Amino acid sequence: MAKRCFISGKKPRVLKKVSHSHIRTNRKVNPNLQTVTIVVGNNKKKVRVSTKMIKKGLTLGLKLTTQQYKQAKRSPQGLLG
């Protein structure tokens, strides 16, 4: 499963780790994703959502049509994009 937020589209980023001698090496930072259940049509689906979107309350009572769900799943910006 992809490490991408269903709502905001957040994904892993590559940052630089700087040592004491100022040598820069790449490091990967993953978003804090949690699994939540949403209603799609008459079915329940589990999706991965960032904790920031959960805190904002965007997952509470989230009801989507099947077409909206498929479009958000394909979109790199997520549901809000």
PDB file of N, CA and C in Angstrom:
ATOM      1  N   MET A   1       0.840  -1.169   0.000  1.00  0.00           N
ATOM      2  CA  MET A   1       0.000   0.000   0.000  1.00  0.00           C
ATOM      3  C   MET A   1       0.895   1.246   0.000  1.00  0.00           C
ATOM      4  N   ALA A   2       0.490   2.238  -0.744  1.00  0.00           N
ATOM      5  CA  ALA A   2       1.281   3.452  -0.863  1.00  0.00           C
ATOM      6  C   ALA A   2       1.255   4.247   0.437  1.00  0.00           C
ATOM      7  N   LYS A   3       2.356   4.907   0.730  1.00  0.00           N
ATOM      8  CA  LYS A   3       2.437   5.755   1.918  1.00  0.00           C
ATOM      9  C   LYS A   3       1.992   7.153   1.526  1.00  0.00           C
ATOM     10  N   ARG A   4       0.683   7.280   1.297  1.00  0.00           N
ATOM     11  CA  ARG A   4       0.120   8.547   0.847  1.00  0.00           C
ATOM     12  C   ARG A   4      -1.204   8.770   1.551  1.00  0.00           C
ATOM     13  N   CYS A   5      -1.439   9.996   1.990  1.00  0.00           N
ATOM     14  CA  CYS A   5      -2.687  10.343   2.665  1.00  0.00           C
ATOM     15  C   CYS A   5      -3.814  10.396   1.640  1.00  0.00           C
ATOM     16  N   PHE A   6      -4.944   9.773   1.967  1.00  0.00           N
ATOM     17  CA  PHE A   6      -6.079   9.726   1.052  1.00  0.00           C
ATOM     18  C   PHE A   6      -6.700  11.108   0.862  1.00  0.00           C
ATOM     19  N   ILE A   7      -6.715  11.935   1.902  1.00  0.00           N
ATOM     20  CA  ILE A   7      -7.390  13.230   1.834  1.00  0.00           C
ATOM     21  C   ILE A   7      -6.470  14.331   1.301  1.00  0.00           C
ATOM     22  N   SER A   8      -5.289  14.485   1.909  1.00  0.00           N
ATOM     23  CA  SER A   8      -4.422  15.611   1.535  1.00  0.00           C
ATOM     24  C   SER A   8      -3.393  15.255   0.466  1.00  0.00           C
ATOM     25  N   GLY A   9      -3.110  13.982   0.274  1.00  0.00           N
ATOM     26  CA  GLY A   9      -2.118  13.576  -0.715  1.00  0.00           C
ATOM     27  C   GLY A   9      -0.684  13.658  -0.210  1.00  0.00           C
ATOM     28  N   LYS A  10      -0.491  13.822   1.108  1.00  0.00           N
ATOM     29  CA  LYS A  10       0.867  13.870   1.659  1.00  0.00           C
ATOM     30  C   LYS A  10       1.577  12.565   1.375  1.00  0.00           C
ATOM     31  N   LYS A  11       2.867  12.649   1.059  1.00  0.00           N
ATOM     32  CA  LYS A  11       3.657  11.457   0.762  1.00  0.00           C
ATOM     33  C   LYS A  11       5.044  11.619   1.364  1.00  0.00           C
ATOM     34  N   PRO A  12       5.872  10.582   1.352  1.00  0.00           N
ATOM     35  CA  PRO A  12       7.212  10.696   1.943  1.00  0.00           C
ATOM     36  C   PRO A  12       8.038  11.775   1.241  1.00  0.00           C
ATOM     37  N   ARG A  13       8.872  12.452   2.057  1.00  0.00           N
ATOM     38  CA  ARG A  13       9.749  13.494   1.535  1.00  0.00           C
ATOM     39  C   ARG A  13      11.195  13.099   1.784  1.00  0.00           C
ATOM     40  N   VAL A  14      12.085  13.607   0.956  1.00  0.00           N
ATOM     41  CA  VAL A  14      13.509  13.364   1.129  1.00  0.00           C
ATOM     42  C   VAL A  14      14.142  14.647   1.656  1.00  0.00           C
ATOM     43  N   LEU A  15      14.750  14.546   2.838  1.00  0.00           N
ATOM     44  CA  LEU A  15      15.403  15.685   3.467  1.00  0.00           C
ATOM     45  C   LEU A  15      16.877  15.381   3.652  1.00  0.00           C
ATOM     46  N   LYS A  16      17.632  16.382   4.064  1.00  0.00           N
ATOM     47  CA  LYS A  16      19.058  16.203   4.325  1.00  0.00           C
ATOM     48  C   LYS A  16      19.296  16.109   5.830  1.00  0.00           C
ATOM     49  N   LYS A  17      20.080  15.108   6.222  1.00  0.00           N
ATOM     50  CA  LYS A  17      20.533  14.997   7.602  1.00  0.00           C
ATOM     51  C   LYS A  17      21.926  15.615   7.647  1.00  0.00           C
ATOM     52  N   VAL A  18      22.150  16.562   8.556  1.00  0.00           N
ATOM     53  CA  VAL A  18      23.416  17.271   8.622  1.00  0.00           C
ATOM     54  C   VAL A  18      24.162  16.811   9.871  1.00  0.00           C
ATOM     55  N   SER A  19      25.356  16.277   9.683  1.00  0.00           N
ATOM     56  CA  SER A  19      26.159  15.809  10.802  1.00  0.00           C
ATOM     57  C   SER A  19      26.913  16.966  11.453  1.00  0.00           C
ATOM     58  N   HIS A  20      27.628  16.646  12.517  1.00  0.00           N
ATOM     59  CA  HIS A  20      28.412  17.668  13.222  1.00  0.00           C
ATOM     60  C   HIS A  20      29.485  18.269  12.301  1.00  0.00           C
ATOM     61  N   SER A  21      30.060  17.438  11.429  1.00  0.00           N
ATOM     62  CA  SER A  21      31.068  17.935  10.488  1.00  0.00           C
ATOM     63  C   SER A  21      30.431  18.525   9.227  1.00  0.00           C
ATOM     64  N   HIS A  22      29.120  18.681   9.256  1.00  0.00           N
ATOM     65  CA  HIS A  22      28.328  19.289   8.180  1.00  0.00           C
ATOM     66  C   HIS A  22      28.301  18.448   6.906  1.00  0.00           C
ATOM     67  N   ILE A  23      28.476  17.142   7.037  1.00  0.00           N
ATOM     68  CA  ILE A  23      28.302  16.247   5.890  1.00  0.00           C
ATOM     69  C   ILE A  23      26.806  15.993   5.738  1.00  0.00           C
ATOM     70  N   ARG A  24      26.316  16.191   4.540  1.00  0.00           N
ATOM     71  CA  ARG A  24      24.880  16.048   4.291  1.00  0.00           C
ATOM     72  C   ARG A  24      24.589  14.702   3.646  1.00  0.00           C
ATOM     73  N   THR A  25      23.657  13.978   4.229  1.00  0.00           N
ATOM     74  CA  THR A  25      23.198  12.712   3.664  1.00  0.00           C
ATOM     75  C   THR A  25      21.681  12.741   3.581  1.00  0.00           C
ATOM     76  N   ASN A  26      21.143  12.008   2.622  1.00  0.00           N
ATOM     77  CA  ASN A  26      19.697  11.986   2.429  1.00  0.00           C
ATOM     78  C   ASN A  26      19.031  11.129   3.493  1.00  0.00           C
ATOM     79  N   ARG A  27      17.835  11.560   3.892  1.00  0.00           N
ATOM     80  CA  ARG A  27      17.014  10.743   4.781  1.00  0.00           C
ATOM     81  C   ARG A  27      15.564  10.903   4.364  1.00  0.00           C
ATOM     82  N   LYS A  28      14.791   9.882   4.606  1.00  0.00           N
ATOM     83  CA  LYS A  28      13.403   9.864   4.185  1.00  0.00           C
ATOM     84  C   LYS A  28      12.503  10.091   5.390  1.00  0.00           C
ATOM     85  N   VAL A  29      11.532  10.996   5.255  1.00  0.00           N
ATOM     86  CA  VAL A  29      10.587  11.296   6.323  1.00  0.00           C
ATOM     87  C   VAL A  29       9.202  10.897   5.838  1.00  0.00           C
ATOM     88  N   ASN A  30       8.598   9.929   6.530  1.00  0.00           N
ATOM     89  CA  ASN A  30       7.263   9.457   6.168  1.00  0.00           C
ATOM     90  C   ASN A  30       6.198  10.249   6.924  1.00  0.00           C
ATOM     91  N   PRO A  31       5.035  10.495   6.308  1.00  0.00           N
ATOM     92  CA  PRO A  31       3.948  11.153   7.032  1.00  0.00           C
ATOM     93  C   PRO A  31       3.361  10.198   8.066  1.00  0.00           C
ATOM     94  N   ASN A  32       2.788  10.755   9.115  1.00  0.00           N
ATOM     95  CA  ASN A  32       2.166   9.948  10.160  1.00  0.00           C
ATOM     96  C   ASN A  32       0.763   9.562   9.685  1.00  0.00           C
ATOM     97  N   LEU A  33       0.630   8.368   9.143  1.00  0.00           N
ATOM     98  CA  LEU A  33      -0.636   7.902   8.590  1.00  0.00           C
ATOM     99  C   LEU A  33      -1.308   6.924   9.539  1.00  0.00           C
ATOM    100  N   GLN A  34      -2.618   7.070   9.673  1.00  0.00           N
ATOM    101  CA  GLN A  34      -3.427   6.165  10.480  1.00  0.00           C
ATOM    102  C   GLN A  34      -4.565   5.645   9.617  1.00  0.00           C
ATOM    103  N   THR A  35      -5.033   4.462   9.913  1.00  0.00           N
ATOM    104  CA  THR A  35      -6.118   3.855   9.149  1.00  0.00           C
ATOM    105  C   THR A  35      -7.460   4.273   9.747  1.00  0.00           C
ATOM    106  N   VAL A  36      -8.349   4.795   8.903  1.00  0.00           N
ATOM    107  CA  VAL A  36      -9.699   5.172   9.334  1.00  0.00           C
ATOM    108  C   VAL A  36     -10.702   4.538   8.378  1.00  0.00           C
ATOM    109  N   THR A  37     -11.931   4.417   8.848  1.00  0.00           N
ATOM    110  CA  THR A  37     -13.004   3.842   8.039  1.00  0.00           C
ATOM    111  C   THR A  37     -13.904   4.962   7.528  1.00  0.00           C
ATOM    112  N   ILE A  38     -14.166   4.946   6.213  1.00  0.00           N
ATOM    113  CA  ILE A  38     -15.078   5.927   5.621  1.00  0.00           C
ATOM    114  C   ILE A  38     -16.201   5.172   4.917  1.00  0.00           C
ATOM    115  N   VAL A  39     -17.281   5.877   4.632  1.00  0.00           N
ATOM    116  CA  VAL A  39     -18.426   5.272   3.954  1.00  0.00           C
ATOM    117  C   VAL A  39     -18.372   5.649   2.483  1.00  0.00           C
ATOM    118  N   VAL A  40     -18.363   4.627   1.629  1.00  0.00           N
ATOM    119  CA  VAL A  40     -18.368   4.833   0.183  1.00  0.00           C
ATOM    120  C   VAL A  40     -19.616   4.151  -0.356  1.00  0.00           C
ATOM    121  N   GLY A  41     -20.577   4.969  -0.758  1.00  0.00           N
ATOM    122  CA  GLY A  41     -21.853   4.399  -1.185  1.00  0.00           C
ATOM    123  C   GLY A  41     -22.516   3.743   0.014  1.00  0.00           C
ATOM    124  N   ASN A  42     -22.754   2.417  -0.080  1.00  0.00           N
ATOM    125  CA  ASN A  42     -23.314   1.664   1.041  1.00  0.00           C
ATOM    126  C   ASN A  42     -22.257   0.801   1.716  1.00  0.00           C
ATOM    127  N   ASN A  43     -21.017   0.888   1.272  1.00  0.00           N
ATOM    128  CA  ASN A  43     -19.941   0.055   1.809  1.00  0.00           C
ATOM    129  C   ASN A  43     -19.011   0.883   2.685  1.00  0.00           C
ATOM    130  N   LYS A  44     -18.269   0.169   3.549  1.00  0.00           N
ATOM    131  CA  LYS A  44     -17.255   0.812   4.378  1.00  0.00           C
ATOM    132  C   LYS A  44     -15.888   0.449   3.830  1.00  0.00           C
ATOM    133  N   LYS A  45     -15.011   1.447   3.714  1.00  0.00           N
ATOM    134  CA  LYS A  45     -13.653   1.226   3.212  1.00  0.00           C
ATOM    135  C   LYS A  45     -12.665   1.763   4.234  1.00  0.00           C
ATOM    136  N   LYS A  46     -11.526   1.087   4.340  1.00  0.00           N
ATOM    137  CA  LYS A  46     -10.454   1.566   5.203  1.00  0.00           C
ATOM    138  C   LYS A  46      -9.435   2.294   4.341  1.00  0.00           C
ATOM    139  N   VAL A  47      -9.104   3.529   4.735  1.00  0.00           N
ATOM    140  CA  VAL A  47      -8.133   4.332   4.005  1.00  0.00           C
ATOM    141  C   VAL A  47      -7.104   4.868   4.991  1.00  0.00           C
ATOM    142  N   ARG A  48      -5.937   5.238   4.466  1.00  0.00           N
ATOM    143  CA  ARG A  48      -4.877   5.792   5.292  1.00  0.00           C
ATOM    144  C   ARG A  48      -4.926   7.310   5.209  1.00  0.00           C
ATOM    145  N   VAL A  49      -4.997   7.942   6.386  1.00  0.00           N
ATOM    146  CA  VAL A  49      -5.157   9.395   6.472  1.00  0.00           C
ATOM    147  C   VAL A  49      -4.111   9.942   7.431  1.00  0.00           C
ATOM    148  N   SER A  50      -3.564  11.117   7.116  1.00  0.00           N
ATOM    149  CA  SER A  50      -2.579  11.736   8.006  1.00  0.00           C
ATOM    150  C   SER A  50      -3.265  12.225   9.283  1.00  0.00           C
ATOM    151  N   THR A  51      -2.498  12.272  10.360  1.00  0.00           N
ATOM    152  CA  THR A  51      -3.066  12.682  11.642  1.00  0.00           C
ATOM    153  C   THR A  51      -3.527  14.132  11.626  1.00  0.00           C
ATOM    154  N   LYS A  52      -2.921  14.951  10.794  1.00  0.00           N
ATOM    155  CA  LYS A  52      -3.340  16.347  10.693  1.00  0.00           C
ATOM    156  C   LYS A  52      -4.782  16.445  10.170  1.00  0.00           C
ATOM    157  N   MET A  53      -5.127  15.595   9.208  1.00  0.00           N
ATOM    158  CA  MET A  53      -6.489  15.596   8.668  1.00  0.00           C
ATOM    159  C   MET A  53      -7.484  15.051   9.696  1.00  0.00           C
ATOM    160  N   ILE A  54      -7.030  14.100  10.520  1.00  0.00           N
ATOM    161  CA  ILE A  54      -7.898  13.573  11.575  1.00  0.00           C
ATOM    162  C   ILE A  54      -8.156  14.659  12.618  1.00  0.00           C
ATOM    163  N   LYS A  55      -7.108  15.413  12.994  1.00  0.00           N
ATOM    164  CA  LYS A  55      -7.261  16.492  13.968  1.00  0.00           C
ATOM    165  C   LYS A  55      -8.187  17.582  13.462  1.00  0.00           C
ATOM    166  N   LYS A  56      -8.127  17.869  12.158  1.00  0.00           N
ATOM    167  CA  LYS A  56      -9.003  18.887  11.569  1.00  0.00           C
ATOM    168  C   LYS A  56     -10.454  18.427  11.547  1.00  0.00           C
ATOM    169  N   GLY A  57     -10.685  17.131  11.696  1.00  0.00           N
ATOM    170  CA  GLY A  57     -12.040  16.598  11.699  1.00  0.00           C
ATOM    171  C   GLY A  57     -12.577  16.316  10.313  1.00  0.00           C
ATOM    172  N   LEU A  58     -11.696  16.186   9.341  1.00  0.00           N
ATOM    173  CA  LEU A  58     -12.148  15.955   7.967  1.00  0.00           C
ATOM    174  C   LEU A  58     -12.588  14.513   7.720  1.00  0.00           C
ATOM    175  N   THR A  59     -12.315  13.616   8.671  1.00  0.00           N
ATOM    176  CA  THR A  59     -12.698  12.216   8.477  1.00  0.00           C
ATOM    177  C   THR A  59     -14.011  11.882   9.165  1.00  0.00           C
ATOM    178  N   LEU A  60     -14.493  12.754  10.049  1.00  0.00           N
ATOM    179  CA  LEU A  60     -15.729  12.474  10.770  1.00  0.00           C
ATOM    180  C   LEU A  60     -16.926  12.595   9.833  1.00  0.00           C
ATOM    181  N   GLY A  61     -17.674  11.532   9.715  1.00  0.00           N
ATOM    182  CA  GLY A  61     -18.872  11.560   8.874  1.00  0.00           C
ATOM    183  C   GLY A  61     -18.577  11.708   7.400  1.00  0.00           C
ATOM    184  N   LEU A  62     -17.398  11.293   6.948  1.00  0.00           N
ATOM    185  CA  LEU A  62     -17.023  11.427   5.541  1.00  0.00           C
ATOM    186  C   LEU A  62     -17.774  10.380   4.716  1.00  0.00           C
ATOM    187  N   LYS A  63     -18.632  10.847   3.823  1.00  0.00           N
ATOM    188  CA  LYS A  63     -19.398   9.953   2.955  1.00  0.00           C
ATOM    189  C   LYS A  63     -19.120  10.336   1.510  1.00  0.00           C
ATOM    190  N   LEU A  64     -18.699   9.363   0.725  1.00  0.00           N
ATOM    191  CA  LEU A  64     -18.351   9.610  -0.667  1.00  0.00           C
ATOM    192  C   LEU A  64     -19.161   8.697  -1.568  1.00  0.00           C
ATOM    193  N   THR A  65     -19.340   9.136  -2.801  1.00  0.00           N
ATOM    194  CA  THR A  65     -19.880   8.244  -3.806  1.00  0.00           C
ATOM    195  C   THR A  65     -18.733   7.391  -4.336  1.00  0.00           C
ATOM    196  N   THR A  66     -19.057   6.329  -5.028  1.00  0.00           N
ATOM    197  CA  THR A  66     -18.026   5.454  -5.581  1.00  0.00           C
ATOM    198  C   THR A  66     -17.150   6.201  -6.567  1.00  0.00           C
ATOM    199  N   GLN A  67     -17.749   7.085  -7.360  1.00  0.00           N
ATOM    200  CA  GLN A  67     -16.995   7.856  -8.343  1.00  0.00           C
ATOM    201  C   GLN A  67     -16.014   8.815  -7.662  1.00  0.00           C
ATOM    202  N   GLN A  68     -16.436   9.483  -6.588  1.00  0.00           N
ATOM    203  CA  GLN A  68     -15.549  10.388  -5.856  1.00  0.00           C
ATOM    204  C   GLN A  68     -14.393   9.614  -5.230  1.00  0.00           C
ATOM    205  N   TYR A  69     -14.678   8.424  -4.699  1.00  0.00           N
ATOM    206  CA  TYR A  69     -13.645   7.591  -4.079  1.00  0.00           C
ATOM    207  C   TYR A  69     -12.581   7.196  -5.104  1.00  0.00           C
ATOM    208  N   LYS A  70     -13.014   6.737  -6.271  1.00  0.00           N
ATOM    209  CA  LYS A  70     -12.068   6.316  -7.311  1.00  0.00           C
ATOM    210  C   LYS A  70     -11.231   7.493  -7.806  1.00  0.00           C
ATOM    211  N   GLN A  71     -11.854   8.650  -7.954  1.00  0.00           N
ATOM    212  CA  GLN A  71     -11.143   9.832  -8.425  1.00  0.00           C
ATOM    213  C   GLN A  71     -10.097  10.281  -7.393  1.00  0.00           C
ATOM    214  N   ALA A  72     -10.455  10.264  -6.113  1.00  0.00           N
ATOM    215  CA  ALA A  72      -9.512  10.671  -5.062  1.00  0.00           C
ATOM    216  C   ALA A  72      -8.373   9.677  -4.930  1.00  0.00           C
ATOM    217  N   LYS A  73      -8.655   8.409  -5.163  1.00  0.00           N
ATOM    218  CA  LYS A  73      -7.621   7.387  -5.044  1.00  0.00           C
ATOM    219  C   LYS A  73      -6.579   7.537  -6.154  1.00  0.00           C
ATOM    220  N   ARG A  74      -7.017   7.954  -7.336  1.00  0.00           N
ATOM    221  CA  ARG A  74      -6.102   8.126  -8.474  1.00  0.00           C
ATOM    222  C   ARG A  74      -5.355   9.449  -8.426  1.00  0.00           C
ATOM    223  N   SER A  75      -5.925  10.460  -7.790  1.00  0.00           N
ATOM    224  CA  SER A  75      -5.358  11.797  -7.805  1.00  0.00           C
ATOM    225  C   SER A  75      -4.121  11.895  -6.904  1.00  0.00           C
ATOM    226  N   PRO A  76      -3.021  12.506  -7.386  1.00  0.00           N
ATOM    227  CA  PRO A  76      -1.847  12.687  -6.520  1.00  0.00           C
ATOM    228  C   PRO A  76      -2.081  13.721  -5.414  1.00  0.00           C
ATOM    229  N   GLN A  77      -3.082  14.596  -5.570  1.00  0.00           N
ATOM    230  CA  GLN A  77      -3.381  15.591  -4.545  1.00  0.00           C
ATOM    231  C   GLN A  77      -4.370  15.081  -3.505  1.00  0.00           C
ATOM    232  N   GLY A  78      -4.896  13.885  -3.687  1.00  0.00           N
ATOM    233  CA  GLY A  78      -5.845  13.334  -2.733  1.00  0.00           C
ATOM    234  C   GLY A  78      -7.245  13.868  -2.959  1.00  0.00           C
ATOM    235  N   LEU A  79      -8.055  13.784  -1.929  1.00  0.00           N
ATOM    236  CA  LEU A  79      -9.457  14.186  -2.013  1.00  0.00           C
ATOM    237  C   LEU A  79      -9.614  15.700  -2.119  1.00  0.00           C
ATOM    238  N   LEU A  80      -8.762  16.457  -1.450  1.00  0.00           N
ATOM    239  CA  LEU A  80      -8.874  17.921  -1.452  1.00  0.00           C
ATOM    240  C   LEU A  80      -8.319  18.573  -2.702  1.00  0.00           C
ATOM    241  N   GLY A  81      -7.505  17.839  -3.468  1.00  0.00           N
ATOM    242  CA  GLY A  81      -6.821  18.410  -4.623  1.00  0.00           C
ATOM    243  C   GLY A  81      -7.630  18.563  -5.845  1.00  0.00           C
TER     244      GLY A  81
END
